[in-house]
């Protein structure tokens, strides 16, 4: 279980992941939000660098340790940070009910 995104970044990079590398983040114009939800979910936002008019959108990610980082939502599924937070909270509620 992780409390802050820095813990996830450090562990993933130590395992050899390039997900958080400067070049990968620049390619997708990604921003990683600092909060971690449920000890393993986090939110990123991306903006299509080839179309300036394309708005920034948000994606929920899940970290399963090592280099295992997956989309927990559709890529750029959410139009606002608030929508992504609401959706990750619904994921957590669903998990807790199992």
PDB file of N, CA and C in Angstrom:
ATOM      1  N   UNK A   1       0.840  -1.183   0.000  1.00  0.00           N
ATOM      2  CA  UNK A   1       0.000   0.000   0.000  1.00  0.00           C
ATOM      3  C   UNK A   1       0.885   1.246   0.000  1.00  0.00           C
ATOM      4  N   UNK A   2       0.485   2.209  -0.802  1.00  0.00           N
ATOM      5  CA  UNK A   2       1.274   3.420  -0.978  1.00  0.00           C
ATOM      6  C   UNK A   2       0.439   4.621  -0.554  1.00  0.00           C
ATOM      7  N   UNK A   3       1.108   5.621   0.022  1.00  0.00           N
ATOM      8  CA  UNK A   3       0.422   6.813   0.508  1.00  0.00           C
ATOM      9  C   UNK A   3       0.635   8.026  -0.380  1.00  0.00           C
ATOM     10  N   UNK A   4       1.690   8.024  -1.183  1.00  0.00           N
ATOM     11  CA  UNK A   4       2.023   9.181  -2.017  1.00  0.00           C
ATOM     12  C   UNK A   4       2.621   8.683  -3.319  1.00  0.00           C
ATOM     13  N   UNK A   5       2.397   9.410  -4.359  1.00  0.00           N
ATOM     14  CA  UNK A   5       2.862   8.996  -5.682  1.00  0.00           C
ATOM     15  C   UNK A   5       4.378   8.819  -5.729  1.00  0.00           C
ATOM     16  N   UNK A   6       5.116   9.564  -4.928  1.00  0.00           N
ATOM     17  CA  UNK A   6       6.578   9.420  -4.929  1.00  0.00           C
ATOM     18  C   UNK A   6       7.016   8.007  -4.553  1.00  0.00           C
ATOM     19  N   UNK A   7       6.262   7.357  -3.688  1.00  0.00           N
ATOM     20  CA  UNK A   7       6.575   5.978  -3.318  1.00  0.00           C
ATOM     21  C   UNK A   7       6.417   5.045  -4.518  1.00  0.00           C
ATOM     22  N   UNK A   8       5.355   5.237  -5.273  1.00  0.00           N
ATOM     23  CA  UNK A   8       5.105   4.418  -6.463  1.00  0.00           C
ATOM     24  C   UNK A   8       6.170   4.679  -7.517  1.00  0.00           C
ATOM     25  N   UNK A   9       6.455   5.953  -7.759  1.00  0.00           N
ATOM     26  CA  UNK A   9       7.461   6.309  -8.767  1.00  0.00           C
ATOM     27  C   UNK A   9       8.810   5.690  -8.412  1.00  0.00           C
ATOM     28  N   UNK A  10       9.212   5.816  -7.175  1.00  0.00           N
ATOM     29  CA  UNK A  10      10.502   5.284  -6.745  1.00  0.00           C
ATOM     30  C   UNK A  10      10.569   3.771  -6.935  1.00  0.00           C
ATOM     31  N   UNK A  11       9.550   3.068  -6.506  1.00  0.00           N
ATOM     32  CA  UNK A  11       9.545   1.609  -6.637  1.00  0.00           C
ATOM     33  C   UNK A  11       9.506   1.181  -8.104  1.00  0.00           C
ATOM     34  N   UNK A  12       8.667   1.831  -8.901  1.00  0.00           N
ATOM     35  CA  UNK A  12       8.557   1.470 -10.320  1.00  0.00           C
ATOM     36  C   UNK A  12       9.870   1.718 -11.053  1.00  0.00           C
ATOM     37  N   UNK A  13      10.496   2.854 -10.798  1.00  0.00           N
ATOM     38  CA  UNK A  13      11.776   3.161 -11.446  1.00  0.00           C
ATOM     39  C   UNK A  13      12.859   2.183 -11.010  1.00  0.00           C
ATOM     40  N   UNK A  14      12.881   1.816  -9.735  1.00  0.00           N
ATOM     41  CA  UNK A  14      13.864   0.845  -9.243  1.00  0.00           C
ATOM     42  C   UNK A  14      13.685  -0.514  -9.908  1.00  0.00           C
ATOM     43  N   UNK A  15      12.441  -0.832 -10.267  1.00  0.00           N
ATOM     44  CA  UNK A  15      12.143  -2.110 -10.918  1.00  0.00           C
ATOM     45  C   UNK A  15      12.430  -2.066 -12.425  1.00  0.00           C
ATOM     46  N   UNK A  16      12.715  -0.855 -12.952  1.00  0.00           N
ATOM     47  CA  UNK A  16      13.045  -0.728 -14.371  1.00  0.00           C
ATOM     48  C   UNK A  16      11.951  -0.148 -15.237  1.00  0.00           C
ATOM     49  N   UNK A  17      10.877   0.341 -14.624  1.00  0.00           N
ATOM     50  CA  UNK A  17       9.787   0.943 -15.394  1.00  0.00           C
ATOM     51  C   UNK A  17      10.214   2.284 -15.974  1.00  0.00           C
ATOM     52  N   UNK A  18       9.747   2.566 -17.179  1.00  0.00           N
ATOM     53  CA  UNK A  18       9.990   3.860 -17.819  1.00  0.00           C
ATOM     54  C   UNK A  18       8.715   4.707 -17.870  1.00  0.00           C
ATOM     55  N   UNK A  19       7.662   4.233 -17.200  1.00  0.00           N
ATOM     56  CA  UNK A  19       6.373   4.912 -17.223  1.00  0.00           C
ATOM     57  C   UNK A  19       6.502   6.373 -16.806  1.00  0.00           C
ATOM     58  N   UNK A  20       7.287   6.627 -15.766  1.00  0.00           N
ATOM     59  CA  UNK A  20       7.412   7.978 -15.216  1.00  0.00           C
ATOM     60  C   UNK A  20       8.639   8.725 -15.745  1.00  0.00           C
ATOM     61  N   UNK A  21       9.300   8.176 -16.749  1.00  0.00           N
ATOM     62  CA  UNK A  21      10.511   8.827 -17.267  1.00  0.00           C
ATOM     63  C   UNK A  21      10.169  10.186 -17.875  1.00  0.00           C
ATOM     64  N   UNK A  22      11.151  11.044 -17.864  1.00  0.00           N
ATOM     65  CA  UNK A  22      10.955  12.390 -18.408  1.00  0.00           C
ATOM     66  C   UNK A  22      10.494  12.344 -19.866  1.00  0.00           C
ATOM     67  N   UNK A  23      11.080  11.450 -20.649  1.00  0.00           N
ATOM     68  CA  UNK A  23      10.716  11.378 -22.072  1.00  0.00           C
ATOM     69  C   UNK A  23       9.295  10.857 -22.257  1.00  0.00           C
ATOM     70  N   UNK A  24       8.889   9.868 -21.480  1.00  0.00           N
ATOM     71  CA  UNK A  24       7.527   9.350 -21.586  1.00  0.00           C
ATOM     72  C   UNK A  24       6.514  10.403 -21.160  1.00  0.00           C
ATOM     73  N   UNK A  25       6.823  11.104 -20.080  1.00  0.00           N
ATOM     74  CA  UNK A  25       5.909  12.140 -19.590  1.00  0.00           C
ATOM     75  C   UNK A  25       5.798  13.278 -20.604  1.00  0.00           C
ATOM     76  N   UNK A  26       6.906  13.625 -21.239  1.00  0.00           N
ATOM     77  CA  UNK A  26       6.893  14.691 -22.234  1.00  0.00           C
ATOM     78  C   UNK A  26       6.118  14.271 -23.479  1.00  0.00           C
ATOM     79  N   UNK A  27       6.281  13.016 -23.898  1.00  0.00           N
ATOM     80  CA  UNK A  27       5.618  12.523 -25.108  1.00  0.00           C
ATOM     81  C   UNK A  27       4.104  12.685 -25.002  1.00  0.00           C
ATOM     82  N   UNK A  28       3.546  12.364 -23.838  1.00  0.00           N
ATOM     83  CA  UNK A  28       2.102  12.450 -23.647  1.00  0.00           C
ATOM     84  C   UNK A  28       1.681  13.752 -22.963  1.00  0.00           C
ATOM     85  N   UNK A  29       2.644  14.644 -22.719  1.00  0.00           N
ATOM     86  CA  UNK A  29       2.384  15.862 -21.954  1.00  0.00           C
ATOM     87  C   UNK A  29       1.636  15.502 -20.668  1.00  0.00           C
ATOM     88  N   UNK A  30       2.157  14.493 -19.979  1.00  0.00           N
ATOM     89  CA  UNK A  30       1.503  13.936 -18.794  1.00  0.00           C
ATOM     90  C   UNK A  30       1.842  14.707 -17.531  1.00  0.00           C
ATOM     91  N   UNK A  31       0.864  14.751 -16.668  1.00  0.00           N
ATOM     92  CA  UNK A  31       1.029  15.264 -15.317  1.00  0.00           C
ATOM     93  C   UNK A  31       0.526  14.162 -14.389  1.00  0.00           C
ATOM     94  N   UNK A  32       1.315  13.807 -13.399  1.00  0.00           N
ATOM     95  CA  UNK A  32       0.933  12.787 -12.424  1.00  0.00           C
ATOM     96  C   UNK A  32       0.464  13.503 -11.168  1.00  0.00           C
ATOM     97  N   UNK A  33      -0.758  13.232 -10.773  1.00  0.00           N
ATOM     98  CA  UNK A  33      -1.297  13.841  -9.561  1.00  0.00           C
ATOM     99  C   UNK A  33      -0.636  13.188  -8.332  1.00  0.00           C
ATOM    100  N   UNK A  34      -0.412  13.921  -7.257  1.00  0.00           N
ATOM    101  CA  UNK A  34       0.319  13.369  -6.106  1.00  0.00           C
ATOM    102  C   UNK A  34      -0.468  12.384  -5.242  1.00  0.00           C
ATOM    103  N   UNK A  35      -1.781  12.456  -5.267  1.00  0.00           N
ATOM    104  CA  UNK A  35      -2.589  11.609  -4.384  1.00  0.00           C
ATOM    105  C   UNK A  35      -2.609  10.160  -4.860  1.00  0.00           C
ATOM    106  N   UNK A  36      -2.644   9.257  -3.894  1.00  0.00           N
ATOM    107  CA  UNK A  36      -2.828   7.829  -4.163  1.00  0.00           C
ATOM    108  C   UNK A  36      -4.123   7.432  -3.463  1.00  0.00           C
ATOM    109  N   UNK A  37      -4.964   6.711  -4.181  1.00  0.00           N
ATOM    110  CA  UNK A  37      -6.272   6.295  -3.666  1.00  0.00           C
ATOM    111  C   UNK A  37      -6.266   4.789  -3.437  1.00  0.00           C
ATOM    112  N   UNK A  38      -6.739   4.380  -2.278  1.00  0.00           N
ATOM    113  CA  UNK A  38      -6.809   2.956  -1.985  1.00  0.00           C
ATOM    114  C   UNK A  38      -5.457   2.271  -1.979  1.00  0.00           C
ATOM    115  N   UNK A  39      -4.395   3.042  -1.796  1.00  0.00           N
ATOM    116  CA  UNK A  39      -3.063   2.490  -1.694  1.00  0.00           C
ATOM    117  C   UNK A  39      -2.399   2.097  -2.994  1.00  0.00           C
ATOM    118  N   UNK A  40      -3.123   2.227  -4.150  1.00  0.00           N
ATOM    119  CA  UNK A  40      -2.507   1.832  -5.415  1.00  0.00           C
ATOM    120  C   UNK A  40      -3.032   2.531  -6.654  1.00  0.00           C
ATOM    121  N   UNK A  41      -4.112   3.285  -6.558  1.00  0.00           N
ATOM    122  CA  UNK A  41      -4.654   4.006  -7.713  1.00  0.00           C
ATOM    123  C   UNK A  41      -4.130   5.435  -7.726  1.00  0.00           C
ATOM    124  N   UNK A  42      -3.869   5.947  -8.912  1.00  0.00           N
ATOM    125  CA  UNK A  42      -3.462   7.343  -9.044  1.00  0.00           C
ATOM    126  C   UNK A  42      -4.029   7.886 -10.353  1.00  0.00           C
ATOM    127  N   UNK A  43      -3.966   9.180 -10.504  1.00  0.00           N
ATOM    128  CA  UNK A  43      -4.569   9.848 -11.660  1.00  0.00           C
ATOM    129  C   UNK A  43      -3.490  10.601 -12.418  1.00  0.00           C
ATOM    130  N   UNK A  44      -3.543  10.474 -13.739  1.00  0.00           N
ATOM    131  CA  UNK A  44      -2.675  11.265 -14.613  1.00  0.00           C
ATOM    132  C   UNK A  44      -3.553  12.086 -15.538  1.00  0.00           C
ATOM    133  N   UNK A  45      -2.975  13.146 -16.070  1.00  0.00           N
ATOM    134  CA  UNK A  45      -3.674  13.885 -17.126  1.00  0.00           C
ATOM    135  C   UNK A  45      -2.729  13.996 -18.310  1.00  0.00           C
ATOM    136  N   UNK A  46      -3.321  13.978 -19.478  1.00  0.00           N
ATOM    137  CA  UNK A  46      -2.568  14.047 -20.726  1.00  0.00           C
ATOM    138  C   UNK A  46      -3.225  15.056 -21.663  1.00  0.00           C
ATOM    139  N   UNK A  47      -2.397  15.564 -22.567  1.00  0.00           N
ATOM    140  CA  UNK A  47      -2.913  16.475 -23.587  1.00  0.00           C
ATOM    141  C   UNK A  47      -2.227  16.142 -24.902  1.00  0.00           C
ATOM    142  N   UNK A  48      -3.012  16.011 -25.935  1.00  0.00           N
ATOM    143  CA  UNK A  48      -2.492  15.687 -27.258  1.00  0.00           C
ATOM    144  C   UNK A  48      -1.623  16.842 -27.740  1.00  0.00           C
ATOM    145  N   UNK A  49      -0.322  16.607 -27.809  1.00  0.00           N
ATOM    146  CA  UNK A  49       0.613  17.672 -28.162  1.00  0.00           C
ATOM    147  C   UNK A  49       0.554  18.063 -29.636  1.00  0.00           C
ATOM    148  N   UNK A  50      -0.097  17.246 -30.445  1.00  0.00           N
ATOM    149  CA  UNK A  50      -0.150  17.530 -31.878  1.00  0.00           C
ATOM    150  C   UNK A  50      -1.332  18.395 -32.266  1.00  0.00           C
ATOM    151  N   UNK A  51      -2.266  18.542 -31.340  1.00  0.00           N
ATOM    152  CA  UNK A  51      -3.425  19.397 -31.602  1.00  0.00           C
ATOM    153  C   UNK A  51      -3.600  20.326 -30.408  1.00  0.00           C
ATOM    154  N   UNK A  52      -3.153  21.525 -30.540  1.00  0.00           N
ATOM    155  CA  UNK A  52      -3.163  22.477 -29.420  1.00  0.00           C
ATOM    156  C   UNK A  52      -4.569  22.701 -28.876  1.00  0.00           C
ATOM    157  N   UNK A  53      -5.567  22.564 -29.729  1.00  0.00           N
ATOM    158  CA  UNK A  53      -6.935  22.817 -29.268  1.00  0.00           C
ATOM    159  C   UNK A  53      -7.520  21.640 -28.479  1.00  0.00           C
ATOM    160  N   UNK A  54      -6.806  20.516 -28.467  1.00  0.00           N
ATOM    161  CA  UNK A  54      -7.287  19.338 -27.752  1.00  0.00           C
ATOM    162  C   UNK A  54      -7.168  19.583 -26.248  1.00  0.00           C
ATOM    163  N   UNK A  55      -8.240  19.409 -25.513  1.00  0.00           N
ATOM    164  CA  UNK A  55      -8.194  19.697 -24.070  1.00  0.00           C
ATOM    165  C   UNK A  55      -7.437  18.627 -23.278  1.00  0.00           C
ATOM    166  N   UNK A  56      -6.968  19.008 -22.121  1.00  0.00           N
ATOM    167  CA  UNK A  56      -6.341  18.067 -21.195  1.00  0.00           C
ATOM    168  C   UNK A  56      -7.427  17.116 -20.703  1.00  0.00           C
ATOM    169  N   UNK A  57      -7.074  15.817 -20.593  1.00  0.00           N
ATOM    170  CA  UNK A  57      -8.008  14.809 -20.105  1.00  0.00           C
ATOM    171  C   UNK A  57      -7.308  13.935 -19.068  1.00  0.00           C
ATOM    172  N   UNK A  58      -8.087  13.190 -18.278  1.00  0.00           N
ATOM    173  CA  UNK A  58      -7.568  12.454 -17.137  1.00  0.00           C
ATOM    174  C   UNK A  58      -7.800  10.947 -17.277  1.00  0.00           C
ATOM    175  N   UNK A  59      -6.866  10.191 -16.707  1.00  0.00           N
ATOM    176  CA  UNK A  59      -6.896   8.727 -16.731  1.00  0.00           C
ATOM    177  C   UNK A  59      -6.619   8.210 -15.327  1.00  0.00           C
ATOM    178  N   UNK A  60      -7.350   7.172 -14.921  1.00  0.00           N
ATOM    179  CA  UNK A  60      -7.077   6.504 -13.651  1.00  0.00           C
ATOM    180  C   UNK A  60      -6.125   5.355 -13.943  1.00  0.00           C
ATOM    181  N   UNK A  61      -5.061   5.257 -13.147  1.00  0.00           N
ATOM    182  CA  UNK A  61      -4.063   4.194 -13.285  1.00  0.00           C
ATOM    183  C   UNK A  61      -4.044   3.361 -12.003  1.00  0.00           C
ATOM    184  N   UNK A  62      -3.591   2.121 -12.141  1.00  0.00           N
ATOM    185  CA  UNK A  62      -3.443   1.255 -10.977  1.00  0.00           C
ATOM    186  C   UNK A  62      -2.029   0.689 -10.986  1.00  0.00           C
ATOM    187  N   UNK A  63      -1.391   0.761  -9.831  1.00  0.00           N
ATOM    188  CA  UNK A  63      -0.035   0.246  -9.676  1.00  0.00           C
ATOM    189  C   UNK A  63      -0.096  -1.051  -8.891  1.00  0.00           C
ATOM    190  N   UNK A  64       0.417  -2.115  -9.492  1.00  0.00           N
ATOM    191  CA  UNK A  64       0.383  -3.436  -8.867  1.00  0.00           C
ATOM    192  C   UNK A  64       1.766  -3.916  -8.445  1.00  0.00           C
ATOM    193  N   UNK A  65       2.706  -2.979  -8.329  1.00  0.00           N
ATOM    194  CA  UNK A  65       4.054  -3.314  -7.908  1.00  0.00           C
ATOM    195  C   UNK A  65       4.987  -3.522  -9.085  1.00  0.00           C
ATOM    196  N   UNK A  66       6.273  -3.348  -8.827  1.00  0.00           N
ATOM    197  CA  UNK A  66       7.282  -3.534  -9.872  1.00  0.00           C
ATOM    198  C   UNK A  66       7.061  -2.612 -11.056  1.00  0.00           C
ATOM    199  N   UNK A  67       6.949  -3.194 -12.231  1.00  0.00           N
ATOM    200  CA  UNK A  67       6.712  -2.412 -13.450  1.00  0.00           C
ATOM    201  C   UNK A  67       5.259  -2.507 -13.904  1.00  0.00           C
ATOM    202  N   UNK A  68       4.395  -3.061 -13.070  1.00  0.00           N
ATOM    203  CA  UNK A  68       2.992  -3.314 -13.439  1.00  0.00           C
ATOM    204  C   UNK A  68       2.122  -2.094 -13.170  1.00  0.00           C
ATOM    205  N   UNK A  69       1.974  -1.262 -14.204  1.00  0.00           N
ATOM    206  CA  UNK A  69       1.111  -0.082 -14.157  1.00  0.00           C
ATOM    207  C   UNK A  69       0.112  -0.229 -15.301  1.00  0.00           C
ATOM    208  N   UNK A  70      -1.162  -0.182 -14.969  1.00  0.00           N
ATOM    209  CA  UNK A  70      -2.201  -0.380 -15.984  1.00  0.00           C
ATOM    210  C   UNK A  70      -3.223   0.751 -15.914  1.00  0.00           C
ATOM    211  N   UNK A  71      -3.961   0.928 -16.994  1.00  0.00           N
ATOM    212  CA  UNK A  71      -5.093   1.847 -16.982  1.00  0.00           C
ATOM    213  C   UNK A  71      -6.224   1.170 -16.217  1.00  0.00           C
ATOM    214  N   UNK A  72      -6.807   1.880 -15.262  1.00  0.00           N
ATOM    215  CA  UNK A  72      -7.971   1.385 -14.538  1.00  0.00           C
ATOM    216  C   UNK A  72      -9.241   2.007 -15.104  1.00  0.00           C
ATOM    217  N   UNK A  73      -9.058   2.897 -16.062  1.00  0.00           N
ATOM    218  CA  UNK A  73     -10.165   3.518 -16.790  1.00  0.00           C
ATOM    219  C   UNK A  73      -9.740   3.550 -18.249  1.00  0.00           C
ATOM    220  N   UNK A  74     -10.591   4.084 -19.072  1.00  0.00           N
ATOM    221  CA  UNK A  74     -10.179   4.301 -20.451  1.00  0.00           C
ATOM    222  C   UNK A  74      -9.124   5.395 -20.493  1.00  0.00           C
ATOM    223  N   UNK A  75      -8.220   5.310 -21.450  1.00  0.00           N
ATOM    224  CA  UNK A  75      -7.188   6.337 -21.593  1.00  0.00           C
ATOM    225  C   UNK A  75      -7.867   7.666 -21.917  1.00  0.00           C
ATOM    226  N   UNK A  76      -7.561   8.686 -21.114  1.00  0.00           N
ATOM    227  CA  UNK A  76      -8.159  10.030 -21.272  1.00  0.00           C
ATOM    228  C   UNK A  76      -9.683   9.972 -21.245  1.00  0.00           C
ATOM    229  N   UNK A  77     -10.217   9.136 -20.382  1.00  0.00           N
ATOM    230  CA  UNK A  77     -11.673   8.952 -20.306  1.00  0.00           C
ATOM    231  C   UNK A  77     -12.403  10.144 -19.702  1.00  0.00           C
ATOM    232  N   UNK A  78     -11.717  10.897 -18.836  1.00  0.00           N
ATOM    233  CA  UNK A  78     -12.410  11.933 -18.069  1.00  0.00           C
ATOM    234  C   UNK A  78     -12.024  13.332 -18.529  1.00  0.00           C
ATOM    235  N   UNK A  79     -13.032  14.203 -18.550  1.00  0.00           N
ATOM    236  CA  UNK A  79     -12.819  15.573 -19.011  1.00  0.00           C
ATOM    237  C   UNK A  79     -12.412  16.519 -17.893  1.00  0.00           C
ATOM    238  N   UNK A  80     -12.450  16.044 -16.657  1.00  0.00           N
ATOM    239  CA  UNK A  80     -12.015  16.887 -15.544  1.00  0.00           C
ATOM    240  C   UNK A  80     -11.378  16.032 -14.459  1.00  0.00           C
ATOM    241  N   UNK A  81     -10.555  16.680 -13.678  1.00  0.00           N
ATOM    242  CA  UNK A  81      -9.919  16.023 -12.538  1.00  0.00           C
ATOM    243  C   UNK A  81     -10.982  15.537 -11.557  1.00  0.00           C
ATOM    244  N   UNK A  82     -12.017  16.329 -11.349  1.00  0.00           N
ATOM    245  CA  UNK A  82     -13.087  15.983 -10.424  1.00  0.00           C
ATOM    246  C   UNK A  82     -13.814  14.720 -10.870  1.00  0.00           C
ATOM    247  N   UNK A  83     -14.051  14.570 -12.183  1.00  0.00           N
ATOM    248  CA  UNK A  83     -14.693  13.352 -12.703  1.00  0.00           C
ATOM    249  C   UNK A  83     -13.831  12.132 -12.429  1.00  0.00           C
ATOM    250  N   UNK A  84     -12.533  12.261 -12.611  1.00  0.00           N
ATOM    251  CA  UNK A  84     -11.616  11.138 -12.370  1.00  0.00           C
ATOM    252  C   UNK A  84     -11.605  10.759 -10.888  1.00  0.00           C
ATOM    253  N   UNK A  85     -11.596  11.749 -10.006  1.00  0.00           N
ATOM    254  CA  UNK A  85     -11.627  11.466  -8.565  1.00  0.00           C
ATOM    255  C   UNK A  85     -12.920  10.747  -8.195  1.00  0.00           C
ATOM    256  N   UNK A  86     -14.032  11.212  -8.716  1.00  0.00           N
ATOM    257  CA  UNK A  86     -15.317  10.568  -8.444  1.00  0.00           C
ATOM    258  C   UNK A  86     -15.309   9.118  -8.923  1.00  0.00           C
ATOM    259  N   UNK A  87     -14.751   8.878 -10.097  1.00  0.00           N
ATOM    260  CA  UNK A  87     -14.702   7.526 -10.660  1.00  0.00           C
ATOM    261  C   UNK A  87     -13.784   6.610  -9.855  1.00  0.00           C
ATOM    262  N   UNK A  88     -12.644   7.111  -9.413  1.00  0.00           N
ATOM    263  CA  UNK A  88     -11.742   6.261  -8.625  1.00  0.00           C
ATOM    264  C   UNK A  88     -12.377   5.923  -7.274  1.00  0.00           C
ATOM    265  N   UNK A  89     -13.130   6.830  -6.712  1.00  0.00           N
ATOM    266  CA  UNK A  89     -13.838   6.540  -5.468  1.00  0.00           C
ATOM    267  C   UNK A  89     -14.885   5.441  -5.681  1.00  0.00           C
ATOM    268  N   UNK A  90     -15.541   5.435  -6.837  1.00  0.00           N
ATOM    269  CA  UNK A  90     -16.507   4.379  -7.157  1.00  0.00           C
ATOM    270  C   UNK A  90     -15.801   3.035  -7.322  1.00  0.00           C
ATOM    271  N   UNK A  91     -14.618   3.040  -7.918  1.00  0.00           N
ATOM    272  CA  UNK A  91     -13.836   1.804  -8.041  1.00  0.00           C
ATOM    273  C   UNK A  91     -13.523   1.259  -6.651  1.00  0.00           C
ATOM    274  N   UNK A  92     -13.097   2.136  -5.754  1.00  0.00           N
ATOM    275  CA  UNK A  92     -12.749   1.705  -4.397  1.00  0.00           C
ATOM    276  C   UNK A  92     -13.957   1.159  -3.647  1.00  0.00           C
ATOM    277  N   UNK A  93     -15.094   1.812  -3.773  1.00  0.00           N
ATOM    278  CA  UNK A  93     -16.311   1.329  -3.130  1.00  0.00           C
ATOM    279  C   UNK A  93     -16.668  -0.056  -3.658  1.00  0.00           C
ATOM    280  N   UNK A  94     -16.545  -0.230  -4.960  1.00  0.00           N
ATOM    281  CA  UNK A  94     -16.825  -1.522  -5.577  1.00  0.00           C
ATOM    282  C   UNK A  94     -15.884  -2.603  -5.036  1.00  0.00           C
ATOM    283  N   UNK A  95     -14.604  -2.278  -4.894  1.00  0.00           N
ATOM    284  CA  UNK A  95     -13.627  -3.233  -4.356  1.00  0.00           C
ATOM    285  C   UNK A  95     -13.923  -3.576  -2.897  1.00  0.00           C
ATOM    286  N   UNK A  96     -14.286  -2.575  -2.126  1.00  0.00           N
ATOM    287  CA  UNK A  96     -14.534  -2.797  -0.704  1.00  0.00           C
ATOM    288  C   UNK A  96     -15.772  -3.675  -0.489  1.00  0.00           C
ATOM    289  N   UNK A  97     -16.708  -3.634  -1.426  1.00  0.00           N
ATOM    290  CA  UNK A  97     -17.932  -4.425  -1.304  1.00  0.00           C
ATOM    291  C   UNK A  97     -17.728  -5.896  -1.624  1.00  0.00           C
ATOM    292  N   UNK A  98     -16.604  -6.211  -2.255  1.00  0.00           N
ATOM    293  CA  UNK A  98     -16.342  -7.611  -2.649  1.00  0.00           C
ATOM    294  C   UNK A  98     -15.965  -8.448  -1.460  1.00  0.00           C
TER     295      UNK A  98
END
